[in-house]
């Protein structure tokens, strides 16, 4: 895809979008048949979420201005499309409401850290939650905490966490398909409309709203909206589709253990000082 011409790349993406959507729907539909196996159903829901996220990643390649896409497509394909953490963040990000690209990057930064502090006094050092929960429901594994004592991870204990409702990424992907964006003409219309603005810094809600309305009008004018489209699809299209993320850095941030321990100790003493002050 990286070496394709601009036009050939759009055609190739248009070919792949319905295939990815069908795969995501297959995982979701299969998960609904496993009422007696919630852990296994949860695994399939996770697969559906990540598959659907792939369509959103590809559509951001489509939304990228022609003058910039050639310099970005390689990174997007290698570092985002094929990366589990990036796909999980992409899926979750569809529900966020940042004011602009700069704030969106800040949101993503909190989700791409290798470890973080958790607990009422930040007493626990935890691994990246998106990756940890993904792996924990899939595999039996041996976990070792700070005390050095190994213990078994039982994936069945995650059953209630992973069942849930249809992922937002899949709901949105189905909506975009119903509105005609997964056809060759729909992909080209998306590229023409969104390619007029480069989302890199202060661009945000206002620009995205205007472009969304412009694309909706073009899809309607060209007769691309399918018979399956309904009000819920329009709602998802207008309210859930995140501003383009082609300039966002998704690489995992490695947080040194020493830094986490120092932050934990600082949080502890801050709480002690606060309680001591409160006594007076």
C-alpha atoms as a PDB file:
ATOM      1  CA  UNK A   1       0.000   0.000   0.000  1.00  0.00           C
ATOM      2  CA  UNK A   2       2.877   2.362   0.751  1.00  0.00           C
ATOM      3  CA  UNK A   3       4.196   2.247  -2.825  1.00  0.00           C
ATOM      4  CA  UNK A   4       0.812   2.581  -4.545  1.00  0.00           C
ATOM      5  CA  UNK A   5      -0.241   5.696  -6.377  1.00  0.00           C
ATOM      6  CA  UNK A   6      -2.796   7.896  -4.631  1.00  0.00           C
ATOM      7  CA  UNK A   7      -5.649   6.707  -6.855  1.00  0.00           C
ATOM      8  CA  UNK A   8      -4.683   3.031  -6.666  1.00  0.00           C
ATOM      9  CA  UNK A   9      -4.461   3.249  -2.870  1.00  0.00           C
ATOM     10  CA  UNK A  10      -7.988   4.629  -2.600  1.00  0.00           C
ATOM     11  CA  UNK A  11      -9.310   1.830  -4.811  1.00  0.00           C
ATOM     12  CA  UNK A  12      -7.428  -0.775  -2.771  1.00  0.00           C
ATOM     13  CA  UNK A  13      -8.806   0.567   0.502  1.00  0.00           C
ATOM     14  CA  UNK A  14     -12.326   0.633  -0.937  1.00  0.00           C
ATOM     15  CA  UNK A  15     -11.920  -3.029  -1.826  1.00  0.00           C
ATOM     16  CA  UNK A  16     -10.771  -3.965   1.658  1.00  0.00           C
ATOM     17  CA  UNK A  17     -13.245  -2.056   3.818  1.00  0.00           C
ATOM     18  CA  UNK A  18     -16.249  -4.382   3.226  1.00  0.00           C
ATOM     19  CA  UNK A  19     -14.001  -7.409   3.786  1.00  0.00           C
ATOM     20  CA  UNK A  20     -12.833  -6.098   7.155  1.00  0.00           C
ATOM     21  CA  UNK A  21     -16.378  -5.174   8.175  1.00  0.00           C
ATOM     22  CA  UNK A  22     -17.617  -8.665   7.326  1.00  0.00           C
ATOM     23  CA  UNK A  23     -14.821 -10.155   9.440  1.00  0.00           C
ATOM     24  CA  UNK A  24     -15.685  -7.908  12.401  1.00  0.00           C
ATOM     25  CA  UNK A  25     -19.377  -8.745  12.124  1.00  0.00           C
ATOM     26  CA  UNK A  26     -18.527 -12.422  11.955  1.00  0.00           C
ATOM     27  CA  UNK A  27     -16.670 -12.280  15.256  1.00  0.00           C
ATOM     28  CA  UNK A  28     -19.471 -10.281  16.859  1.00  0.00           C
ATOM     29  CA  UNK A  29     -22.234 -12.595  15.619  1.00  0.00           C
ATOM     30  CA  UNK A  30     -20.283 -15.647  16.766  1.00  0.00           C
ATOM     31  CA  UNK A  31     -19.855 -14.129  20.219  1.00  0.00           C
ATOM     32  CA  UNK A  32     -23.642 -13.853  20.569  1.00  0.00           C
ATOM     33  CA  UNK A  33     -23.921 -17.638  20.202  1.00  0.00           C
ATOM     34  CA  UNK A  34     -21.742 -18.363  23.238  1.00  0.00           C
ATOM     35  CA  UNK A  35     -24.047 -17.509  26.121  1.00  0.00           C
ATOM     36  CA  UNK A  36     -22.659 -20.385  28.159  1.00  0.00           C
ATOM     37  CA  UNK A  37     -19.043 -19.457  27.417  1.00  0.00           C
ATOM     38  CA  UNK A  38     -18.637 -15.785  28.370  1.00  0.00           C
ATOM     39  CA  UNK A  39     -14.848 -15.843  28.378  1.00  0.00           C
ATOM     40  CA  UNK A  40     -14.690 -17.195  24.831  1.00  0.00           C
ATOM     41  CA  UNK A  41     -17.411 -14.772  23.764  1.00  0.00           C
ATOM     42  CA  UNK A  42     -15.367 -11.924  25.221  1.00  0.00           C
ATOM     43  CA  UNK A  43     -12.359 -12.928  23.149  1.00  0.00           C
ATOM     44  CA  UNK A  44     -14.471 -12.727  19.994  1.00  0.00           C
ATOM     45  CA  UNK A  45     -15.869  -9.335  21.006  1.00  0.00           C
ATOM     46  CA  UNK A  46     -12.287  -8.105  21.338  1.00  0.00           C
ATOM     47  CA  UNK A  47     -11.467  -9.427  17.879  1.00  0.00           C
ATOM     48  CA  UNK A  48     -14.534  -7.655  16.474  1.00  0.00           C
ATOM     49  CA  UNK A  49     -13.469  -4.386  18.108  1.00  0.00           C
ATOM     50  CA  UNK A  50      -9.947  -4.536  16.680  1.00  0.00           C
ATOM     51  CA  UNK A  51     -11.107  -5.576  13.211  1.00  0.00           C
ATOM     52  CA  UNK A  52     -13.555  -2.670  13.101  1.00  0.00           C
ATOM     53  CA  UNK A  53     -10.774  -0.320  14.225  1.00  0.00           C
ATOM     54  CA  UNK A  54      -8.839  -1.296  11.101  1.00  0.00           C
ATOM     55  CA  UNK A  55     -11.525   0.278   8.919  1.00  0.00           C
ATOM     56  CA  UNK A  56     -11.250   3.537  10.872  1.00  0.00           C
ATOM     57  CA  UNK A  57      -7.478   3.531  10.481  1.00  0.00           C
ATOM     58  CA  UNK A  58      -7.783   3.007   6.728  1.00  0.00           C
ATOM     59  CA  UNK A  59     -10.384   5.755   6.468  1.00  0.00           C
ATOM     60  CA  UNK A  60      -7.955   8.133   8.157  1.00  0.00           C
ATOM     61  CA  UNK A  61      -5.495   7.350   5.374  1.00  0.00           C
ATOM     62  CA  UNK A  62      -8.312   8.305   3.009  1.00  0.00           C
ATOM     63  CA  UNK A  63      -9.021  11.510   4.977  1.00  0.00           C
ATOM     64  CA  UNK A  64      -5.348  12.561   4.916  1.00  0.00           C
ATOM     65  CA  UNK A  65      -4.624  15.379   2.408  1.00  0.00           C
ATOM     66  CA  UNK A  66      -3.017  14.084  -0.814  1.00  0.00           C
ATOM     67  CA  UNK A  67       0.075  16.231  -0.283  1.00  0.00           C
ATOM     68  CA  UNK A  68       0.800  14.615   3.110  1.00  0.00           C
ATOM     69  CA  UNK A  69      -0.449  11.047   2.777  1.00  0.00           C
ATOM     70  CA  UNK A  70       2.606   9.608   1.053  1.00  0.00           C
ATOM     71  CA  UNK A  71       4.825  10.642   3.964  1.00  0.00           C
ATOM     72  CA  UNK A  72       2.419   9.233   6.558  1.00  0.00           C
ATOM     73  CA  UNK A  73       0.988   6.047   5.100  1.00  0.00           C
ATOM     74  CA  UNK A  74       4.052   3.924   5.888  1.00  0.00           C
ATOM     75  CA  UNK A  75       3.985   4.823   9.581  1.00  0.00           C
ATOM     76  CA  UNK A  76       0.220   4.362   9.801  1.00  0.00           C
ATOM     77  CA  UNK A  77       0.323   0.910   8.233  1.00  0.00           C
ATOM     78  CA  UNK A  78       3.357  -0.360  10.147  1.00  0.00           C
ATOM     79  CA  UNK A  79       2.847   1.315  13.526  1.00  0.00           C
ATOM     80  CA  UNK A  80      -0.937   1.572  13.794  1.00  0.00           C
ATOM     81  CA  UNK A  81      -2.773  -0.841  11.497  1.00  0.00           C
ATOM     82  CA  UNK A  82      -0.703  -3.846  12.627  1.00  0.00           C
ATOM     83  CA  UNK A  83      -0.289  -2.852  16.284  1.00  0.00           C
ATOM     84  CA  UNK A  84      -2.700  -4.237  18.908  1.00  0.00           C
ATOM     85  CA  UNK A  85      -2.345  -1.312  21.314  1.00  0.00           C
ATOM     86  CA  UNK A  86      -2.821   1.291  18.586  1.00  0.00           C
ATOM     87  CA  UNK A  87      -5.957  -0.467  17.320  1.00  0.00           C
ATOM     88  CA  UNK A  88      -7.394  -0.672  20.831  1.00  0.00           C
ATOM     89  CA  UNK A  89      -6.731   3.029  21.406  1.00  0.00           C
ATOM     90  CA  UNK A  90      -8.255   3.847  18.015  1.00  0.00           C
ATOM     91  CA  UNK A  91     -11.397   1.960  18.967  1.00  0.00           C
ATOM     92  CA  UNK A  92     -11.708   3.605  22.386  1.00  0.00           C
ATOM     93  CA  UNK A  93     -10.949   7.071  21.010  1.00  0.00           C
ATOM     94  CA  UNK A  94     -14.173   7.172  19.010  1.00  0.00           C
ATOM     95  CA  UNK A  95     -16.040   8.003  22.235  1.00  0.00           C
ATOM     96  CA  UNK A  96     -13.722  10.857  23.255  1.00  0.00           C
ATOM     97  CA  UNK A  97     -14.552  14.540  22.769  1.00  0.00           C
ATOM     98  CA  UNK A  98     -11.270  16.456  22.355  1.00  0.00           C
ATOM     99  CA  UNK A  99     -11.440  20.060  21.217  1.00  0.00           C
ATOM    100  CA  UNK A 100      -8.578  19.651  18.749  1.00  0.00           C
ATOM    101  CA  UNK A 101      -5.780  17.372  17.579  1.00  0.00           C
ATOM    102  CA  UNK A 102      -3.393  18.611  20.286  1.00  0.00           C
ATOM    103  CA  UNK A 103      -5.777  17.587  23.049  1.00  0.00           C
ATOM    104  CA  UNK A 104      -6.487  14.303  21.306  1.00  0.00           C
ATOM    105  CA  UNK A 105      -2.756  13.536  21.407  1.00  0.00           C
ATOM    106  CA  UNK A 106      -2.797  14.231  25.155  1.00  0.00           C
ATOM    107  CA  UNK A 107      -5.644  11.739  25.586  1.00  0.00           C
ATOM    108  CA  UNK A 108      -3.786   9.130  23.556  1.00  0.00           C
ATOM    109  CA  UNK A 109      -0.607   9.698  25.572  1.00  0.00           C
ATOM    110  CA  UNK A 110      -2.393   8.571  28.745  1.00  0.00           C
ATOM    111  CA  UNK A 111      -3.397   5.324  27.029  1.00  0.00           C
ATOM    112  CA  UNK A 112      -0.062   4.386  25.468  1.00  0.00           C
ATOM    113  CA  UNK A 113       2.068   4.258  28.615  1.00  0.00           C
ATOM    114  CA  UNK A 114       3.626   0.891  29.388  1.00  0.00           C
ATOM    115  CA  UNK A 115       2.729   1.168  33.111  1.00  0.00           C
ATOM    116  CA  UNK A 116       0.785   3.475  35.395  1.00  0.00           C
ATOM    117  CA  UNK A 117      -0.127   3.964  39.058  1.00  0.00           C
ATOM    118  CA  UNK A 118      -3.483   2.790  40.389  1.00  0.00           C
ATOM    119  CA  UNK A 119      -5.236   2.786  43.755  1.00  0.00           C
ATOM    120  CA  UNK A 120      -6.492   5.295  46.290  1.00  0.00           C
ATOM    121  CA  UNK A 121      -2.932   6.375  47.068  1.00  0.00           C
ATOM    122  CA  UNK A 122      -1.336   5.285  43.762  1.00  0.00           C
ATOM    123  CA  UNK A 123       0.087   2.291  45.593  1.00  0.00           C
ATOM    124  CA  UNK A 124      -0.157  -0.194  42.724  1.00  0.00           C
ATOM    125  CA  UNK A 125       2.050  -0.280  39.633  1.00  0.00           C
ATOM    126  CA  UNK A 126      -0.062  -1.618  36.769  1.00  0.00           C
ATOM    127  CA  UNK A 127       0.798  -2.603  33.188  1.00  0.00           C
ATOM    128  CA  UNK A 128      -0.887  -0.919  30.222  1.00  0.00           C
ATOM    129  CA  UNK A 129      -4.537  -1.715  30.836  1.00  0.00           C
ATOM    130  CA  UNK A 130      -5.656  -2.160  27.224  1.00  0.00           C
ATOM    131  CA  UNK A 131      -2.947  -4.711  26.480  1.00  0.00           C
ATOM    132  CA  UNK A 132      -3.178  -6.401  29.867  1.00  0.00           C
ATOM    133  CA  UNK A 133      -6.934  -6.942  29.677  1.00  0.00           C
ATOM    134  CA  UNK A 134      -6.654  -8.138  26.080  1.00  0.00           C
ATOM    135  CA  UNK A 135      -4.032 -10.758  26.934  1.00  0.00           C
ATOM    136  CA  UNK A 136      -5.587 -11.752  30.254  1.00  0.00           C
ATOM    137  CA  UNK A 137      -8.881 -12.859  28.731  1.00  0.00           C
ATOM    138  CA  UNK A 138      -7.112 -14.784  25.962  1.00  0.00           C
ATOM    139  CA  UNK A 139      -4.449 -16.767  27.808  1.00  0.00           C
ATOM    140  CA  UNK A 140      -3.666 -18.629  31.002  1.00  0.00           C
ATOM    141  CA  UNK A 141      -0.384 -17.105  32.084  1.00  0.00           C
ATOM    142  CA  UNK A 142       1.987 -16.684  35.023  1.00  0.00           C
ATOM    143  CA  UNK A 143       2.040 -13.219  36.575  1.00  0.00           C
ATOM    144  CA  UNK A 144       4.676 -11.881  38.958  1.00  0.00           C
ATOM    145  CA  UNK A 145       4.071  -8.778  41.071  1.00  0.00           C
ATOM    146  CA  UNK A 146       6.520  -6.616  43.008  1.00  0.00           C
ATOM    147  CA  UNK A 147       6.771  -9.118  45.849  1.00  0.00           C
ATOM    148  CA  UNK A 148       8.233 -11.619  43.370  1.00  0.00           C
ATOM    149  CA  UNK A 149       5.580 -14.239  44.069  1.00  0.00           C
ATOM    150  CA  UNK A 150       4.211 -15.842  40.892  1.00  0.00           C
ATOM    151  CA  UNK A 151       0.526 -16.553  40.467  1.00  0.00           C
ATOM    152  CA  UNK A 152      -1.724 -17.890  37.727  1.00  0.00           C
ATOM    153  CA  UNK A 153      -3.968 -15.704  35.611  1.00  0.00           C
ATOM    154  CA  UNK A 154      -7.335 -17.382  35.106  1.00  0.00           C
ATOM    155  CA  UNK A 155      -8.909 -15.881  31.952  1.00  0.00           C
ATOM    156  CA  UNK A 156     -12.383 -16.928  33.089  1.00  0.00           C
ATOM    157  CA  UNK A 157     -12.288 -14.311  35.855  1.00  0.00           C
ATOM    158  CA  UNK A 158     -12.532 -11.672  33.122  1.00  0.00           C
ATOM    159  CA  UNK A 159     -15.787 -13.030  31.704  1.00  0.00           C
ATOM    160  CA  UNK A 160     -18.093 -10.322  33.026  1.00  0.00           C
ATOM    161  CA  UNK A 161     -15.716  -7.573  31.931  1.00  0.00           C
ATOM    162  CA  UNK A 162     -15.415  -8.725  28.337  1.00  0.00           C
ATOM    163  CA  UNK A 163     -18.973  -9.639  27.344  1.00  0.00           C
ATOM    164  CA  UNK A 164     -20.526  -6.184  27.099  1.00  0.00           C
ATOM    165  CA  UNK A 165     -22.387  -4.592  24.223  1.00  0.00           C
ATOM    166  CA  UNK A 166     -21.422  -4.111  20.615  1.00  0.00           C
ATOM    167  CA  UNK A 167     -18.131  -2.159  20.427  1.00  0.00           C
ATOM    168  CA  UNK A 168     -18.389   1.468  19.365  1.00  0.00           C
ATOM    169  CA  UNK A 169     -15.835   0.856  16.640  1.00  0.00           C
ATOM    170  CA  UNK A 170     -18.135  -1.755  15.081  1.00  0.00           C
ATOM    171  CA  UNK A 171     -21.256   0.388  15.475  1.00  0.00           C
ATOM    172  CA  UNK A 172     -19.476   3.246  13.742  1.00  0.00           C
ATOM    173  CA  UNK A 173     -18.050   1.062  11.001  1.00  0.00           C
ATOM    174  CA  UNK A 174     -21.497  -0.329  10.225  1.00  0.00           C
ATOM    175  CA  UNK A 175     -22.886   3.208  10.099  1.00  0.00           C
ATOM    176  CA  UNK A 176     -20.230   4.439   7.682  1.00  0.00           C
ATOM    177  CA  UNK A 177     -20.858   1.431   5.459  1.00  0.00           C
ATOM    178  CA  UNK A 178     -24.628   1.972   5.476  1.00  0.00           C
ATOM    179  CA  UNK A 179     -24.119   5.593   4.452  1.00  0.00           C
ATOM    180  CA  UNK A 180     -22.233   4.496   1.355  1.00  0.00           C
ATOM    181  CA  UNK A 181     -18.666   5.279   2.343  1.00  0.00           C
ATOM    182  CA  UNK A 182     -17.318   1.786   1.717  1.00  0.00           C
ATOM    183  CA  UNK A 183     -17.948   1.926  -2.021  1.00  0.00           C
ATOM    184  CA  UNK A 184     -15.265   3.190  -4.398  1.00  0.00           C
ATOM    185  CA  UNK A 185     -17.283   6.345  -4.999  1.00  0.00           C
ATOM    186  CA  UNK A 186     -17.788   6.787  -1.246  1.00  0.00           C
ATOM    187  CA  UNK A 187     -14.079   6.453  -0.519  1.00  0.00           C
ATOM    188  CA  UNK A 188     -13.229   8.985  -3.225  1.00  0.00           C
ATOM    189  CA  UNK A 189     -15.893  11.379  -1.920  1.00  0.00           C
ATOM    190  CA  UNK A 190     -14.408  11.054   1.583  1.00  0.00           C
ATOM    191  CA  UNK A 191     -10.931  11.770   0.238  1.00  0.00           C
ATOM    192  CA  UNK A 192     -12.096  14.795  -1.740  1.00  0.00           C
ATOM    193  CA  UNK A 193     -13.972  16.378   1.164  1.00  0.00           C
ATOM    194  CA  UNK A 194     -11.672  15.650   4.106  1.00  0.00           C
ATOM    195  CA  UNK A 195      -8.452  16.102   2.150  1.00  0.00           C
ATOM    196  CA  UNK A 196      -9.042  19.850   2.128  1.00  0.00           C
ATOM    197  CA  UNK A 197      -7.970  20.220   5.788  1.00  0.00           C
ATOM    198  CA  UNK A 198      -4.789  18.939   7.412  1.00  0.00           C
ATOM    199  CA  UNK A 199      -5.552  17.904  11.027  1.00  0.00           C
ATOM    200  CA  UNK A 200      -2.252  18.359  12.841  1.00  0.00           C
ATOM    201  CA  UNK A 201      -2.592  20.753  15.779  1.00  0.00           C
ATOM    202  CA  UNK A 202      -5.408  23.224  16.476  1.00  0.00           C
ATOM    203  CA  UNK A 203      -7.828  21.725  13.964  1.00  0.00           C
ATOM    204  CA  UNK A 204     -10.737  20.093  15.733  1.00  0.00           C
ATOM    205  CA  UNK A 205     -14.480  19.980  16.259  1.00  0.00           C
ATOM    206  CA  UNK A 206     -15.464  22.968  14.129  1.00  0.00           C
ATOM    207  CA  UNK A 207     -13.551  21.830  11.062  1.00  0.00           C
ATOM    208  CA  UNK A 208     -14.688  18.222  11.524  1.00  0.00           C
ATOM    209  CA  UNK A 209     -18.341  19.205  11.838  1.00  0.00           C
ATOM    210  CA  UNK A 210     -18.218  21.240   8.633  1.00  0.00           C
ATOM    211  CA  UNK A 211     -16.502  18.458   6.708  1.00  0.00           C
ATOM    212  CA  UNK A 212     -18.922  15.848   8.061  1.00  0.00           C
ATOM    213  CA  UNK A 213     -21.884  17.875   6.845  1.00  0.00           C
ATOM    214  CA  UNK A 214     -20.213  18.420   3.476  1.00  0.00           C
ATOM    215  CA  UNK A 215     -19.541  14.704   3.072  1.00  0.00           C
ATOM    216  CA  UNK A 216     -23.090  13.811   4.100  1.00  0.00           C
ATOM    217  CA  UNK A 217     -24.451  16.142   1.428  1.00  0.00           C
ATOM    218  CA  UNK A 218     -22.197  14.660  -1.231  1.00  0.00           C
ATOM    219  CA  UNK A 219     -23.051  11.068  -0.318  1.00  0.00           C
ATOM    220  CA  UNK A 220     -26.720  11.966  -0.607  1.00  0.00           C
ATOM    221  CA  UNK A 221     -26.324  13.909  -3.862  1.00  0.00           C
ATOM    222  CA  UNK A 222     -24.417  11.055  -5.508  1.00  0.00           C
ATOM    223  CA  UNK A 223     -26.994   8.509  -4.355  1.00  0.00           C
ATOM    224  CA  UNK A 224     -24.464   6.503  -2.360  1.00  0.00           C
ATOM    225  CA  UNK A 225     -26.495   6.146   0.852  1.00  0.00           C
ATOM    226  CA  UNK A 226     -27.780   2.568   1.061  1.00  0.00           C
ATOM    227  CA  UNK A 227     -31.297   1.396   1.865  1.00  0.00           C
ATOM    228  CA  UNK A 228     -30.022   0.020   5.168  1.00  0.00           C
ATOM    229  CA  UNK A 229     -29.188   3.513   6.487  1.00  0.00           C
ATOM    230  CA  UNK A 230     -31.254   4.724   9.434  1.00  0.00           C
ATOM    231  CA  UNK A 231     -31.220   7.439  12.092  1.00  0.00           C
ATOM    232  CA  UNK A 232     -28.823   5.546  14.340  1.00  0.00           C
ATOM    233  CA  UNK A 233     -26.315   5.398  11.489  1.00  0.00           C
ATOM    234  CA  UNK A 234     -26.586   9.139  10.950  1.00  0.00           C
ATOM    235  CA  UNK A 235     -26.124   9.720  14.677  1.00  0.00           C
ATOM    236  CA  UNK A 236     -22.961   7.594  14.736  1.00  0.00           C
ATOM    237  CA  UNK A 237     -21.634   9.337  11.630  1.00  0.00           C
ATOM    238  CA  UNK A 238     -22.181  12.804  13.083  1.00  0.00           C
ATOM    239  CA  UNK A 239     -21.391  12.221  16.763  1.00  0.00           C
ATOM    240  CA  UNK A 240     -19.008   9.260  17.081  1.00  0.00           C
ATOM    241  CA  UNK A 241     -16.551   9.539  14.212  1.00  0.00           C
ATOM    242  CA  UNK A 242     -13.390  10.973  15.740  1.00  0.00           C
ATOM    243  CA  UNK A 243     -11.410  13.777  14.127  1.00  0.00           C
ATOM    244  CA  UNK A 244      -8.642  12.364  11.896  1.00  0.00           C
ATOM    245  CA  UNK A 245      -5.831  10.699  13.816  1.00  0.00           C
ATOM    246  CA  UNK A 246      -3.252  10.315  11.044  1.00  0.00           C
ATOM    247  CA  UNK A 247      -0.829  12.705  12.777  1.00  0.00           C
ATOM    248  CA  UNK A 248      -1.195  11.116  16.230  1.00  0.00           C
ATOM    249  CA  UNK A 249       1.709   9.217  17.803  1.00  0.00           C
ATOM    250  CA  UNK A 250       0.564   5.771  19.006  1.00  0.00           C
ATOM    251  CA  UNK A 251       3.950   4.286  19.921  1.00  0.00           C
ATOM    252  CA  UNK A 252       3.974   2.772  23.387  1.00  0.00           C
ATOM    253  CA  UNK A 253       5.695   4.964  25.983  1.00  0.00           C
ATOM    254  CA  UNK A 254       8.030   2.918  28.170  1.00  0.00           C
ATOM    255  CA  UNK A 255       7.794   4.198  31.761  1.00  0.00           C
ATOM    256  CA  UNK A 256      10.877   3.305  33.871  1.00  0.00           C
ATOM    257  CA  UNK A 257      10.159   1.427  37.099  1.00  0.00           C
ATOM    258  CA  UNK A 258      12.273   3.915  39.040  1.00  0.00           C
ATOM    259  CA  UNK A 259      10.048   6.768  37.838  1.00  0.00           C
ATOM    260  CA  UNK A 260       6.891   4.978  38.903  1.00  0.00           C
ATOM    261  CA  UNK A 261       8.307   4.189  42.340  1.00  0.00           C
ATOM    262  CA  UNK A 262       9.348   7.818  42.797  1.00  0.00           C
ATOM    263  CA  UNK A 263       5.888   9.045  41.778  1.00  0.00           C
ATOM    264  CA  UNK A 264       4.273   6.530  44.112  1.00  0.00           C
ATOM    265  CA  UNK A 265       6.412   7.646  47.032  1.00  0.00           C
ATOM    266  CA  UNK A 266       5.681  11.311  46.270  1.00  0.00           C
ATOM    267  CA  UNK A 267       1.958  10.566  46.200  1.00  0.00           C
ATOM    268  CA  UNK A 268       2.203   8.744  49.519  1.00  0.00           C
ATOM    269  CA  UNK A 269       3.984  11.594  51.302  1.00  0.00           C
ATOM    270  CA  UNK A 270       1.636  14.141  49.772  1.00  0.00           C
ATOM    271  CA  UNK A 271      -1.287  12.219  51.247  1.00  0.00           C
ATOM    272  CA  UNK A 272       0.447  11.949  54.629  1.00  0.00           C
ATOM    273  CA  UNK A 273       1.144  15.684  54.667  1.00  0.00           C
ATOM    274  CA  UNK A 274      -2.468  16.400  53.711  1.00  0.00           C
ATOM    275  CA  UNK A 275      -3.830  14.211  56.527  1.00  0.00           C
ATOM    276  CA  UNK A 276      -1.383  15.785  58.986  1.00  0.00           C
ATOM    277  CA  UNK A 277      -2.499  19.282  57.926  1.00  0.00           C
ATOM    278  CA  UNK A 278      -6.162  18.256  58.179  1.00  0.00           C
ATOM    279  CA  UNK A 279      -5.630  17.247  61.826  1.00  0.00           C
ATOM    280  CA  UNK A 280      -5.074  20.886  62.630  1.00  0.00           C
END
